[in-house]
Amino acid sequence: MKRRPETQRGIPATTNLTHRISTVAMMALAALPIIALPASALAATVRVSDLNLATPNGMAAFERRVDHAARSYCNDLQSLQARANCREGVRVELMEKAQPIAAAHAAQMARTLAAR
């Protein structure tokens, strides 16, 4: 009489493989609602096309928009600590993404002033 191959704890290998396949299938099905969401639903966005980030007024307006975006994006979190951490993370990420834009605005201002 042949014995079936067994894995740890006496579970047959075929049962372990079946379990793994079903786990992967369930994870894929769980990800479908996230995949179906538009990209804008997964990220906090701030419009900057009307701002000059090289000026104090432009940066102040940008920071107000960042604060608003962070509050809106993290609003559904229940824990105050989680909400605060989320808002700070959104602020940091948006400020990092604004740095190249601010540098480009500053370079454009410098070229404009040099041309005068």
C-alpha atoms as a PDB file:
ATOM      1  CA  MET A   1       0.000   0.000   0.000  1.00  0.00           C
ATOM      2  CA  LYS A   2       1.404   3.355  -1.048  1.00  0.00           C
ATOM      3  CA  ARG A   3       1.385   6.288   1.315  1.00  0.00           C
ATOM      4  CA  ARG A   4       0.371   9.699   0.064  1.00  0.00           C
ATOM      5  CA  PRO A   5       3.075  12.343   0.299  1.00  0.00           C
ATOM      6  CA  GLU A   6       2.576  14.372   3.437  1.00  0.00           C
ATOM      7  CA  THR A   7       3.725  17.791   4.496  1.00  0.00           C
ATOM      8  CA  GLN A   8       4.184  19.101   7.979  1.00  0.00           C
ATOM      9  CA  ARG A   9       1.594  18.146  10.604  1.00  0.00           C
ATOM     10  CA  GLY A  10       0.381  15.184   8.573  1.00  0.00           C
ATOM     11  CA  ILE A  11      -1.600  17.245   6.029  1.00  0.00           C
ATOM     12  CA  PRO A  12      -1.606  15.608   2.599  1.00  0.00           C
ATOM     13  CA  ALA A  13       0.335  17.587  -0.030  1.00  0.00           C
ATOM     14  CA  THR A  14      -2.684  17.736  -2.332  1.00  0.00           C
ATOM     15  CA  THR A  15      -4.756  19.390   0.411  1.00  0.00           C
ATOM     16  CA  ASN A  16      -1.974  21.923   1.042  1.00  0.00           C
ATOM     17  CA  LEU A  17      -1.769  22.732  -2.695  1.00  0.00           C
ATOM     18  CA  THR A  18      -5.548  23.100  -2.911  1.00  0.00           C
ATOM     19  CA  HIS A  19      -5.481  25.420   0.074  1.00  0.00           C
ATOM     20  CA  ARG A  20      -2.792  27.568  -1.529  1.00  0.00           C
ATOM     21  CA  ILE A  21      -4.645  27.822  -4.822  1.00  0.00           C
ATOM     22  CA  SER A  22      -7.903  28.773  -3.102  1.00  0.00           C
ATOM     23  CA  THR A  23      -6.088  31.382  -0.993  1.00  0.00           C
ATOM     24  CA  VAL A  24      -4.592  32.998  -4.096  1.00  0.00           C
ATOM     25  CA  ALA A  25      -8.000  32.973  -5.809  1.00  0.00           C
ATOM     26  CA  MET A  26      -9.676  34.635  -2.817  1.00  0.00           C
ATOM     27  CA  MET A  27      -6.973  37.318  -2.686  1.00  0.00           C
ATOM     28  CA  ALA A  28      -7.428  38.025  -6.396  1.00  0.00           C
ATOM     29  CA  LEU A  29     -11.190  38.351  -5.952  1.00  0.00           C
ATOM     30  CA  ALA A  30     -10.704  40.654  -2.981  1.00  0.00           C
ATOM     31  CA  ALA A  31      -8.536  42.954  -5.099  1.00  0.00           C
ATOM     32  CA  LEU A  32     -11.139  43.379  -7.850  1.00  0.00           C
ATOM     33  CA  PRO A  33     -13.035  46.266  -6.175  1.00  0.00           C
ATOM     34  CA  ILE A  34      -9.765  48.169  -5.728  1.00  0.00           C
ATOM     35  CA  ILE A  35      -8.780  47.603  -9.361  1.00  0.00           C
ATOM     36  CA  ALA A  36     -12.190  48.840 -10.516  1.00  0.00           C
ATOM     37  CA  LEU A  37     -11.798  52.193  -8.735  1.00  0.00           C
ATOM     38  CA  PRO A  38     -10.657  55.157 -10.780  1.00  0.00           C
ATOM     39  CA  ALA A  39      -7.129  56.355 -10.050  1.00  0.00           C
ATOM     40  CA  SER A  40      -8.451  59.575  -8.526  1.00  0.00           C
ATOM     41  CA  ALA A  41     -10.240  57.565  -5.827  1.00  0.00           C
ATOM     42  CA  LEU A  42      -6.946  56.103  -4.642  1.00  0.00           C
ATOM     43  CA  ALA A  43      -4.941  59.296  -4.325  1.00  0.00           C
ATOM     44  CA  ALA A  44      -5.187  62.745  -2.845  1.00  0.00           C
ATOM     45  CA  THR A  45      -4.847  65.366  -5.559  1.00  0.00           C
ATOM     46  CA  VAL A  46      -4.151  69.080  -5.496  1.00  0.00           C
ATOM     47  CA  ARG A  47      -4.490  71.368  -8.509  1.00  0.00           C
ATOM     48  CA  VAL A  48      -1.410  73.568  -8.969  1.00  0.00           C
ATOM     49  CA  SER A  49      -1.760  74.780 -12.559  1.00  0.00           C
ATOM     50  CA  ASP A  50      -3.088  78.158 -11.386  1.00  0.00           C
ATOM     51  CA  LEU A  51      -0.378  78.653  -8.720  1.00  0.00           C
ATOM     52  CA  ASN A  52       3.170  79.949  -8.877  1.00  0.00           C
ATOM     53  CA  LEU A  53       4.945  77.865  -6.257  1.00  0.00           C
ATOM     54  CA  ALA A  54       8.012  80.081  -6.420  1.00  0.00           C
ATOM     55  CA  THR A  55       6.153  82.883  -4.625  1.00  0.00           C
ATOM     56  CA  PRO A  56       5.132  83.035  -0.941  1.00  0.00           C
ATOM     57  CA  ASN A  57       1.481  83.583  -1.895  1.00  0.00           C
ATOM     58  CA  GLY A  58       1.527  80.617  -4.257  1.00  0.00           C
ATOM     59  CA  MET A  59       3.068  78.335  -1.619  1.00  0.00           C
ATOM     60  CA  ALA A  60       0.566  79.524   1.011  1.00  0.00           C
ATOM     61  CA  ALA A  61      -2.331  78.701  -1.331  1.00  0.00           C
ATOM     62  CA  PHE A  62      -0.752  75.336  -2.120  1.00  0.00           C
ATOM     63  CA  GLU A  63      -0.367  74.507   1.596  1.00  0.00           C
ATOM     64  CA  ARG A  64      -4.043  75.376   2.203  1.00  0.00           C
ATOM     65  CA  ARG A  65      -5.028  73.043  -0.633  1.00  0.00           C
ATOM     66  CA  VAL A  66      -2.763  70.307   0.728  1.00  0.00           C
ATOM     67  CA  ASP A  67      -4.369  70.600   4.166  1.00  0.00           C
ATOM     68  CA  HIS A  68      -7.833  70.396   2.621  1.00  0.00           C
ATOM     69  CA  ALA A  69      -6.855  67.403   0.474  1.00  0.00           C
ATOM     70  CA  ALA A  70      -5.325  65.614   3.477  1.00  0.00           C
ATOM     71  CA  ARG A  71      -8.462  66.160   5.581  1.00  0.00           C
ATOM     72  CA  SER A  72     -10.719  64.946   2.769  1.00  0.00           C
ATOM     73  CA  TYR A  73      -8.572  61.928   1.893  1.00  0.00           C
ATOM     74  CA  CYS A  74      -8.188  60.710   5.496  1.00  0.00           C
ATOM     75  CA  ASN A  75     -11.658  61.626   6.731  1.00  0.00           C
ATOM     76  CA  ASP A  76     -13.058  58.080   6.720  1.00  0.00           C
ATOM     77  CA  LEU A  77     -10.500  56.725   9.208  1.00  0.00           C
ATOM     78  CA  GLN A  78     -12.032  56.094  12.633  1.00  0.00           C
ATOM     79  CA  SER A  79      -8.979  56.333  14.878  1.00  0.00           C
ATOM     80  CA  LEU A  80      -7.747  59.838  15.624  1.00  0.00           C
ATOM     81  CA  GLN A  81      -4.147  58.626  15.566  1.00  0.00           C
ATOM     82  CA  ALA A  82      -4.627  56.858  12.232  1.00  0.00           C
ATOM     83  CA  ARG A  83      -6.284  59.969  10.803  1.00  0.00           C
ATOM     84  CA  ALA A  84      -3.429  62.201  12.029  1.00  0.00           C
ATOM     85  CA  ASN A  85      -0.806  59.808  10.608  1.00  0.00           C
ATOM     86  CA  CYS A  86      -2.654  59.649   7.291  1.00  0.00           C
ATOM     87  CA  ARG A  87      -2.909  63.437   7.047  1.00  0.00           C
ATOM     88  CA  GLU A  88       0.774  63.868   7.805  1.00  0.00           C
ATOM     89  CA  GLY A  89       1.676  61.247   5.202  1.00  0.00           C
ATOM     90  CA  VAL A  90      -0.457  62.980   2.567  1.00  0.00           C
ATOM     91  CA  ARG A  91       1.088  66.348   3.421  1.00  0.00           C
ATOM     92  CA  VAL A  92       4.646  64.999   3.200  1.00  0.00           C
ATOM     93  CA  GLU A  93       4.010  63.239  -0.107  1.00  0.00           C
ATOM     94  CA  LEU A  94       2.326  66.240  -1.726  1.00  0.00           C
ATOM     95  CA  MET A  95       5.030  68.621  -0.518  1.00  0.00           C
ATOM     96  CA  GLU A  96       7.718  66.309  -1.946  1.00  0.00           C
ATOM     97  CA  LYS A  97       5.909  66.191  -5.283  1.00  0.00           C
ATOM     98  CA  ALA A  98       5.641  70.000  -5.326  1.00  0.00           C
ATOM     99  CA  GLN A  99       9.390  70.593  -4.975  1.00  0.00           C
ATOM    100  CA  PRO A 100      10.249  70.017  -8.670  1.00  0.00           C
ATOM    101  CA  ILE A 101       7.305  72.200  -9.696  1.00  0.00           C
ATOM    102  CA  ALA A 102       8.458  74.994  -7.379  1.00  0.00           C
ATOM    103  CA  ALA A 103      11.988  74.684  -8.767  1.00  0.00           C
ATOM    104  CA  ALA A 104      10.672  74.927 -12.331  1.00  0.00           C
ATOM    105  CA  HIS A 105       8.639  78.009 -11.419  1.00  0.00           C
ATOM    106  CA  ALA A 106      11.694  79.611  -9.804  1.00  0.00           C
ATOM    107  CA  ALA A 107      13.818  78.851 -12.871  1.00  0.00           C
ATOM    108  CA  GLN A 108      11.154  80.370 -15.130  1.00  0.00           C
ATOM    109  CA  MET A 109      11.042  83.500 -12.961  1.00  0.00           C
ATOM    110  CA  ALA A 110      14.851  83.757 -13.095  1.00  0.00           C
ATOM    111  CA  ARG A 111      14.846  83.477 -16.910  1.00  0.00           C
ATOM    112  CA  THR A 112      12.126  86.111 -17.125  1.00  0.00           C
ATOM    113  CA  LEU A 113      14.029  88.510 -14.887  1.00  0.00           C
ATOM    114  CA  ALA A 114      17.293  87.877 -16.755  1.00  0.00           C
ATOM    115  CA  ALA A 115      15.626  88.646 -20.083  1.00  0.00           C
ATOM    116  CA  ARG A 116      14.581  92.125 -18.919  1.00  0.00           C
END
